[in-house]
Amino acid sequence: MKFNYHLSELKDISTKILSYLDSPKTLLFYGEMGVGKTTLIKELVKQLGVTDATSSPTFSLVNEYQGNNSTIFHFDFYRIEKEEEVYDIGIEDYFYQNAWCFAEWPEKIPNIIPDDAITIKIHKNSDDTRTLEISSS
């Protein structure tokens, strides 16, 4: 699935993404710095029923939220230097439970990503719209 959107359409885009998926999944967010990965994840978390304040877990690596019917984990692997570092936080325990996992900078951990993860690539266009492409990994 591929489409363009303006940031003002984040709620609609989040609804489309979640309706495309049938259950909690691991979503991998790819895109340059500042393209809107965290902004999109914040809207997805909100759509899943989280009312708490959300932020990127740049320093903690993972934030946990409780949604309406599920647990949501938000990862930011930007600061990871070696893939082995994520084992210290128990990455397998997060990825292999029935929870939503939203991962920014997954290219830092290519050998740890679950086989059934969904890839979301975001590109910022010259007219300030974004192009979003969703595919199976």
C-alpha atoms as a PDB file:
ATOM      1  CA  MET A   1       0.000   0.000   0.000  1.00  0.00           C
ATOM      2  CA  LYS A   2       1.402   3.420  -0.941  1.00  0.00           C
ATOM      3  CA  PHE A   3      -0.056   6.911  -0.603  1.00  0.00           C
ATOM      4  CA  ASN A   4       0.783  10.579  -0.113  1.00  0.00           C
ATOM      5  CA  TYR A   5      -0.428  12.682   2.805  1.00  0.00           C
ATOM      6  CA  HIS A   6      -0.067  16.034   4.534  1.00  0.00           C
ATOM      7  CA  LEU A   7       0.757  16.137   8.230  1.00  0.00           C
ATOM      8  CA  SER A   8      -2.747  17.512   8.817  1.00  0.00           C
ATOM      9  CA  GLU A   9      -4.054  14.099   7.676  1.00  0.00           C
ATOM     10  CA  LEU A  10      -2.219  12.023  10.300  1.00  0.00           C
ATOM     11  CA  LYS A  11      -5.398  10.826  11.993  1.00  0.00           C
ATOM     12  CA  ASP A  12      -6.769   9.467   8.705  1.00  0.00           C
ATOM     13  CA  ILE A  13      -3.422   7.911   7.778  1.00  0.00           C
ATOM     14  CA  SER A  14      -3.157   6.217  11.180  1.00  0.00           C
ATOM     15  CA  THR A  15      -6.657   4.823  10.819  1.00  0.00           C
ATOM     16  CA  LYS A  16      -5.756   3.418   7.378  1.00  0.00           C
ATOM     17  CA  ILE A  17      -2.591   1.802   8.683  1.00  0.00           C
ATOM     18  CA  LEU A  18      -4.347   0.162  11.619  1.00  0.00           C
ATOM     19  CA  SER A  19      -7.249  -1.039   9.459  1.00  0.00           C
ATOM     20  CA  TYR A  20      -4.708  -2.653   7.111  1.00  0.00           C
ATOM     21  CA  LEU A  21      -3.457  -4.805   9.995  1.00  0.00           C
ATOM     22  CA  ASP A  22      -5.583  -7.466  11.638  1.00  0.00           C
ATOM     23  CA  SER A  23      -3.825  -7.725  15.017  1.00  0.00           C
ATOM     24  CA  PRO A  24      -0.888  -6.335  16.978  1.00  0.00           C
ATOM     25  CA  LYS A  25       2.247  -6.390  14.840  1.00  0.00           C
ATOM     26  CA  THR A  26       5.812  -5.180  14.792  1.00  0.00           C
ATOM     27  CA  LEU A  27       5.986  -2.077  12.589  1.00  0.00           C
ATOM     28  CA  LEU A  28       9.375  -0.901  11.347  1.00  0.00           C
ATOM     29  CA  PHE A  29       9.609   2.801  10.525  1.00  0.00           C
ATOM     30  CA  TYR A  30      12.239   3.824   7.972  1.00  0.00           C
ATOM     31  CA  GLY A  31      12.982   7.377   6.905  1.00  0.00           C
ATOM     32  CA  GLU A  32      15.432  10.209   7.238  1.00  0.00           C
ATOM     33  CA  MET A  33      15.788  12.232  10.415  1.00  0.00           C
ATOM     34  CA  GLY A  34      12.875  14.684  10.677  1.00  0.00           C
ATOM     35  CA  VAL A  35      10.605  12.922   8.179  1.00  0.00           C
ATOM     36  CA  GLY A  36       7.874  12.338  10.783  1.00  0.00           C
ATOM     37  CA  LYS A  37       8.365   8.809  12.107  1.00  0.00           C
ATOM     38  CA  THR A  38       7.807   9.782  15.750  1.00  0.00           C
ATOM     39  CA  THR A  39       4.897  12.047  14.846  1.00  0.00           C
ATOM     40  CA  LEU A  40       3.164   9.189  13.015  1.00  0.00           C
ATOM     41  CA  ILE A  41       3.841   6.770  15.868  1.00  0.00           C
ATOM     42  CA  LYS A  42       2.356   9.229  18.371  1.00  0.00           C
ATOM     43  CA  GLU A  43      -0.854   9.320  16.316  1.00  0.00           C
ATOM     44  CA  LEU A  44      -0.952   5.519  15.981  1.00  0.00           C
ATOM     45  CA  VAL A  45      -0.551   5.166  19.755  1.00  0.00           C
ATOM     46  CA  LYS A  46      -3.359   7.673  20.269  1.00  0.00           C
ATOM     47  CA  GLN A  47      -5.607   5.736  17.855  1.00  0.00           C
ATOM     48  CA  LEU A  48      -4.916   2.591  19.885  1.00  0.00           C
ATOM     49  CA  GLY A  49      -6.375   4.291  22.962  1.00  0.00           C
ATOM     50  CA  VAL A  50      -3.365   5.692  24.787  1.00  0.00           C
ATOM     51  CA  THR A  51      -4.212   8.919  26.597  1.00  0.00           C
ATOM     52  CA  ASP A  52      -0.852   9.388  28.364  1.00  0.00           C
ATOM     53  CA  ALA A  53       1.750  11.764  26.977  1.00  0.00           C
ATOM     54  CA  THR A  54       3.971  10.004  24.452  1.00  0.00           C
ATOM     55  CA  SER A  55       7.517  10.731  23.370  1.00  0.00           C
ATOM     56  CA  SER A  56      10.383   9.171  21.497  1.00  0.00           C
ATOM     57  CA  PRO A  57      12.449   6.815  23.667  1.00  0.00           C
ATOM     58  CA  THR A  58      15.749   8.080  22.265  1.00  0.00           C
ATOM     59  CA  PHE A  59      17.661   7.573  25.513  1.00  0.00           C
ATOM     60  CA  SER A  60      15.678   4.787  27.183  1.00  0.00           C
ATOM     61  CA  LEU A  61      15.358   2.766  23.918  1.00  0.00           C
ATOM     62  CA  VAL A  62      11.776   1.727  24.719  1.00  0.00           C
ATOM     63  CA  ASN A  63       8.582   3.281  26.069  1.00  0.00           C
ATOM     64  CA  GLU A  64       5.611   1.154  27.100  1.00  0.00           C
ATOM     65  CA  TYR A  65       1.987   2.276  26.827  1.00  0.00           C
ATOM     66  CA  GLN A  66      -1.351   0.640  27.609  1.00  0.00           C
ATOM     67  CA  GLY A  67      -3.944   0.999  24.863  1.00  0.00           C
ATOM     68  CA  ASN A  68      -7.605   0.002  24.828  1.00  0.00           C
ATOM     69  CA  ASN A  69      -6.964  -3.692  24.241  1.00  0.00           C
ATOM     70  CA  SER A  70      -3.226  -4.083  24.004  1.00  0.00           C
ATOM     71  CA  THR A  71       0.222  -3.148  25.153  1.00  0.00           C
ATOM     72  CA  ILE A  72       2.272  -0.908  22.880  1.00  0.00           C
ATOM     73  CA  PHE A  73       6.059  -0.689  22.828  1.00  0.00           C
ATOM     74  CA  HIS A  74       7.796   2.204  21.062  1.00  0.00           C
ATOM     75  CA  PHE A  75      11.483   1.683  20.285  1.00  0.00           C
ATOM     76  CA  ASP A  76      14.064   4.161  19.042  1.00  0.00           C
ATOM     77  CA  PHE A  77      17.296   2.450  17.989  1.00  0.00           C
ATOM     78  CA  TYR A  78      19.002   5.589  16.679  1.00  0.00           C
ATOM     79  CA  ARG A  79      21.660   5.604  19.401  1.00  0.00           C
ATOM     80  CA  ILE A  80      22.487   1.901  19.079  1.00  0.00           C
ATOM     81  CA  GLU A  81      26.091   1.366  18.010  1.00  0.00           C
ATOM     82  CA  LYS A  82      26.160  -2.435  18.087  1.00  0.00           C
ATOM     83  CA  GLU A  83      23.212  -4.683  17.440  1.00  0.00           C
ATOM     84  CA  GLU A  84      24.048  -6.699  20.576  1.00  0.00           C
ATOM     85  CA  GLU A  85      23.120  -3.698  22.765  1.00  0.00           C
ATOM     86  CA  VAL A  86      19.402  -4.407  22.382  1.00  0.00           C
ATOM     87  CA  TYR A  87      19.751  -7.808  24.027  1.00  0.00           C
ATOM     88  CA  ASP A  88      20.394  -5.941  27.293  1.00  0.00           C
ATOM     89  CA  ILE A  89      16.808  -4.651  27.244  1.00  0.00           C
ATOM     90  CA  GLY A  90      15.381  -8.126  26.481  1.00  0.00           C
ATOM     91  CA  ILE A  91      14.359  -7.359  22.910  1.00  0.00           C
ATOM     92  CA  GLU A  92      13.045 -10.865  22.217  1.00  0.00           C
ATOM     93  CA  ASP A  93      10.603 -10.558  25.115  1.00  0.00           C
ATOM     94  CA  TYR A  94       9.155  -7.424  23.525  1.00  0.00           C
ATOM     95  CA  PHE A  95       9.017  -8.628  19.924  1.00  0.00           C
ATOM     96  CA  TYR A  96       7.561 -12.053  20.604  1.00  0.00           C
ATOM     97  CA  GLN A  97       4.533 -11.276  22.721  1.00  0.00           C
ATOM     98  CA  ASN A  98       1.130 -10.261  21.459  1.00  0.00           C
ATOM     99  CA  ALA A  99       1.791  -6.513  21.568  1.00  0.00           C
ATOM    100  CA  TRP A 100       2.200  -3.639  19.148  1.00  0.00           C
ATOM    101  CA  CYS A 101       5.884  -2.846  18.598  1.00  0.00           C
ATOM    102  CA  PHE A 102       6.740   0.378  16.783  1.00  0.00           C
ATOM    103  CA  ALA A 103      10.453   0.571  15.943  1.00  0.00           C
ATOM    104  CA  GLU A 104      12.295   3.637  14.675  1.00  0.00           C
ATOM    105  CA  TRP A 105      15.714   3.108  13.039  1.00  0.00           C
ATOM    106  CA  PRO A 106      15.305  -0.684  12.649  1.00  0.00           C
ATOM    107  CA  GLU A 107      18.204  -0.675  10.177  1.00  0.00           C
ATOM    108  CA  LYS A 108      20.421  -0.612  13.296  1.00  0.00           C
ATOM    109  CA  ILE A 109      19.223  -4.132  14.278  1.00  0.00           C
ATOM    110  CA  PRO A 110      18.731  -6.001  10.968  1.00  0.00           C
ATOM    111  CA  ASN A 111      19.389  -9.494  12.352  1.00  0.00           C
ATOM    112  CA  ILE A 112      16.942  -9.217  15.243  1.00  0.00           C
ATOM    113  CA  ILE A 113      13.808  -8.104  13.388  1.00  0.00           C
ATOM    114  CA  PRO A 114      10.924 -10.618  13.450  1.00  0.00           C
ATOM    115  CA  ASP A 115      10.167 -12.270  10.097  1.00  0.00           C
ATOM    116  CA  ASP A 116       6.527 -11.138  10.146  1.00  0.00           C
ATOM    117  CA  ALA A 117       7.302  -7.444  10.763  1.00  0.00           C
ATOM    118  CA  ILE A 118       5.639  -4.771   8.627  1.00  0.00           C
ATOM    119  CA  THR A 119       7.828  -2.171   6.933  1.00  0.00           C
ATOM    120  CA  ILE A 120       6.698   1.455   6.777  1.00  0.00           C
ATOM    121  CA  LYS A 121       8.883   3.744   4.661  1.00  0.00           C
ATOM    122  CA  ILE A 122       8.304   7.478   4.869  1.00  0.00           C
ATOM    123  CA  HIS A 123       9.719  10.003   2.422  1.00  0.00           C
ATOM    124  CA  LYS A 124       9.325  13.772   2.637  1.00  0.00           C
ATOM    125  CA  ASN A 125       8.452  15.335  -0.729  1.00  0.00           C
ATOM    126  CA  SER A 126       9.466  18.782  -1.980  1.00  0.00           C
ATOM    127  CA  ASP A 127       5.883  20.060  -1.500  1.00  0.00           C
ATOM    128  CA  ASP A 128       5.977  19.094   2.232  1.00  0.00           C
ATOM    129  CA  THR A 129       3.726  16.066   1.708  1.00  0.00           C
ATOM    130  CA  ARG A 130       4.925  12.634   2.767  1.00  0.00           C
ATOM    131  CA  THR A 131       4.882   9.429   0.769  1.00  0.00           C
ATOM    132  CA  LEU A 132       4.226   6.381   2.910  1.00  0.00           C
ATOM    133  CA  GLU A 133       4.714   2.819   1.717  1.00  0.00           C
ATOM    134  CA  ILE A 134       3.633  -0.214   3.735  1.00  0.00           C
ATOM    135  CA  SER A 135       4.840  -3.710   2.940  1.00  0.00           C
ATOM    136  CA  SER A 136       5.585  -7.048   4.560  1.00  0.00           C
ATOM    137  CA  SER A 137       9.252  -7.482   5.440  1.00  0.00           C
END
